Amino acid sequence: MSYTVRTVAIDELLATGQELFAANWDESGTKERFRLMDDRYRQWAAAGILCAVGAWHGDELVGYAVAPMVPHAHTGRLAAMVDAIYVSPPHRGDLHAQIMHAIGEEAAQRGAAEMLYAAKPGSAMDHIMRRRGCELREHIYVQELV
């Protein structure tokens, strides 16, 4: 299949990607109810700290990645932290790598020194990151407070 992967304005992604955002959340296995914080993405975009990439098969949005950028508090290095990355099941395969490459390119052009990805142990994303030779630096533990 042929895909177009490109940087996208967040408003375009929000207008066309609601089904993909919800599907991503459903697959994540997270217990919380899905409630996309559109305003947060728009605030980050207005501040110039949001990278967003979309992938289309014809006119259909079939994948995306969103990454806000922040300076590391201890090193000052600008890091792009992937908030969400998703490819619709019928389009999985090489497209995921194309999206990862595109979001990395966009972040680098904006001055990011590194990309940060979260992956559940044993998940498809975990395997992808290992195959790409990414360094596992730490585990994230969650303590429920409410």
Protein backbone atom coordinates (compact mmCIF):
# COMPACT_ATOMS: atom_id res chain seq x y z
CA MET A 1 0.00 0.00 0.00
CA SER A 2 1.04 3.56 -0.61
CA TYR A 3 1.01 6.11 2.20
CA THR A 4 1.60 9.81 2.61
CA VAL A 5 3.31 10.63 5.92
CA ARG A 6 3.75 14.31 6.74
CA THR A 7 3.87 16.92 9.45
CA VAL A 8 0.37 18.10 10.23
CA ALA A 9 -1.21 21.02 12.09
CA ILE A 10 -2.87 19.80 15.27
CA ASP A 11 -6.27 21.22 14.24
CA GLU A 12 -6.22 19.09 11.08
CA LEU A 13 -5.28 16.01 13.09
CA LEU A 14 -7.98 16.68 15.70
CA ALA A 15 -10.59 17.21 12.97
CA THR A 16 -9.86 13.90 11.24
CA GLY A 17 -8.37 11.68 13.94
CA GLN A 18 -10.99 11.27 16.67
CA GLU A 19 -11.69 7.61 15.79
CA LEU A 20 -7.98 6.79 15.76
CA PHE A 21 -7.41 8.56 19.10
CA ALA A 22 -10.20 6.49 20.66
CA ALA A 23 -8.96 3.24 19.09
CA ASN A 24 -5.45 3.92 20.41
CA TRP A 25 -6.84 4.43 23.90
CA ASP A 26 -8.94 1.25 23.69
CA GLU A 27 -5.87 -0.79 22.73
CA SER A 28 -3.73 0.74 25.50
CA GLY A 29 -5.50 -1.25 28.20
CA THR A 30 -5.65 1.82 30.42
CA LYS A 31 -8.42 1.75 33.01
CA GLU A 32 -9.26 5.44 32.77
CA ARG A 33 -12.15 6.66 30.61
CA PHE A 34 -11.05 8.20 27.30
CA ARG A 35 -11.35 11.99 27.22
CA LEU A 36 -9.08 13.67 24.71
CA MET A 37 -7.77 17.01 25.98
CA ASP A 38 -7.96 18.87 22.65
CA ASP A 39 -7.25 22.17 24.38
CA ARG A 40 -3.96 20.85 25.76
CA TYR A 41 -2.74 19.90 22.28
CA ARG A 42 -3.80 23.32 20.98
CA GLN A 43 -1.97 25.09 23.83
CA TRP A 44 1.21 23.14 23.13
CA ALA A 45 0.91 23.90 19.40
CA ALA A 46 0.36 27.62 20.08
CA ALA A 47 3.46 27.61 22.29
CA GLY A 48 5.47 26.03 19.45
CA ILE A 49 6.33 22.90 21.44
CA LEU A 50 4.17 20.29 19.69
CA CYS A 51 5.22 18.00 16.86
CA ALA A 52 2.44 16.15 15.04
CA VAL A 53 2.59 13.74 12.10
CA GLY A 54 -0.23 12.07 10.20
CA ALA A 55 -0.25 9.14 7.79
CA TRP A 56 -2.83 8.86 5.03
CA HIS A 57 -3.87 6.06 2.70
CA GLY A 58 -5.56 8.09 -0.01
CA ASP A 59 -7.87 10.48 1.85
CA GLU A 60 -8.11 8.31 4.98
CA LEU A 61 -6.04 9.12 8.07
CA VAL A 62 -4.66 5.73 9.17
CA GLY A 63 -1.93 6.69 11.65
CA TYR A 64 -0.45 9.52 13.66
CA ALA A 65 2.09 10.56 16.27
CA VAL A 66 2.03 13.52 18.64
CA ALA A 67 5.03 14.66 20.69
CA PRO A 68 5.35 17.74 22.92
CA MET A 69 8.90 19.00 23.45
CA VAL A 70 10.34 20.06 26.80
CA PRO A 71 13.85 20.78 28.06
CA HIS A 72 15.15 18.14 30.46
CA ALA A 73 15.21 19.64 33.97
CA HIS A 74 18.73 18.36 34.74
CA THR A 75 20.54 18.59 31.41
CA GLY A 76 18.68 21.27 29.47
CA ARG A 77 18.59 18.98 26.41
CA LEU A 78 15.37 19.43 24.47
CA ALA A 79 13.43 16.17 24.41
CA ALA A 80 10.38 15.27 22.34
CA MET A 81 8.18 12.95 24.39
CA VAL A 82 5.83 10.88 22.26
CA ASP A 83 2.41 11.38 23.84
CA ALA A 84 0.67 9.11 21.35
CA ILE A 85 1.57 7.02 18.33
CA TYR A 86 -0.89 4.78 16.54
CA VAL A 87 -1.48 2.94 13.28
CA SER A 88 -4.86 1.46 12.37
CA PRO A 89 -4.62 -2.39 12.43
CA PRO A 90 -5.09 -2.99 8.68
CA HIS A 91 -2.16 -0.65 7.97
CA ARG A 92 0.39 -1.88 10.50
CA GLY A 93 3.84 -2.95 9.45
CA ASP A 94 6.34 -0.59 7.88
CA LEU A 95 4.03 2.41 8.32
CA HIS A 96 4.81 2.53 12.05
CA ALA A 97 8.51 2.97 11.24
CA GLN A 98 7.70 5.69 8.70
CA ILE A 99 5.69 7.61 11.31
CA MET A 100 8.46 7.22 13.90
CA HIS A 101 11.00 8.50 11.39
CA ALA A 102 8.80 11.47 10.43
CA ILE A 103 8.08 12.55 14.02
CA GLY A 104 11.80 12.22 14.82
CA GLU A 105 12.73 14.35 11.81
CA GLU A 106 10.19 17.01 12.77
CA ALA A 107 11.45 17.08 16.38
CA ALA A 108 15.09 17.30 15.25
CA GLN A 109 14.29 20.20 12.89
CA ARG A 110 12.73 21.99 15.87
CA GLY A 111 15.88 21.45 17.95
CA ALA A 112 15.12 18.30 19.93
CA ALA A 113 18.17 16.28 20.94
CA GLU A 114 16.28 13.08 21.77
CA MET A 115 12.96 11.28 21.43
CA LEU A 116 11.35 9.63 24.43
CA TYR A 117 8.88 6.77 23.97
CA ALA A 118 6.86 4.88 26.58
CA ALA A 119 6.16 1.19 26.04
CA LYS A 120 4.56 -1.43 28.25
CA PRO A 121 6.95 -4.36 28.86
CA GLY A 122 6.34 -7.09 26.28
CA SER A 123 4.11 -4.88 24.10
CA ALA A 124 4.49 -4.46 20.36
CA MET A 125 5.98 -1.01 21.01
CA ASP A 126 8.50 -2.51 23.43
CA HIS A 127 9.64 -4.95 20.72
CA ILE A 128 9.78 -2.18 18.10
CA MET A 129 11.97 0.00 20.31
CA ARG A 130 14.36 -2.88 21.04
CA ARG A 131 14.64 -3.71 17.32
CA ARG A 132 15.40 -0.05 16.58
CA GLY A 133 18.29 -0.19 19.05
CA CYS A 134 16.81 2.37 21.43
CA GLU A 135 18.27 2.57 24.92
CA LEU A 136 16.06 1.60 27.85
CA ARG A 137 16.92 4.18 30.50
CA GLU A 138 14.26 3.70 33.17
CA HIS A 139 10.96 2.08 34.00
CA ILE A 140 7.93 4.15 34.93
CA TYR A 141 5.82 3.05 37.87
CA VAL A 142 2.36 4.44 38.50
CA GLN A 143 0.86 4.95 41.94
CA GLU A 144 -2.89 5.66 41.86
CA LEU A 145 -3.70 8.64 44.10
CA VAL A 146 -7.44 9.02 43.49
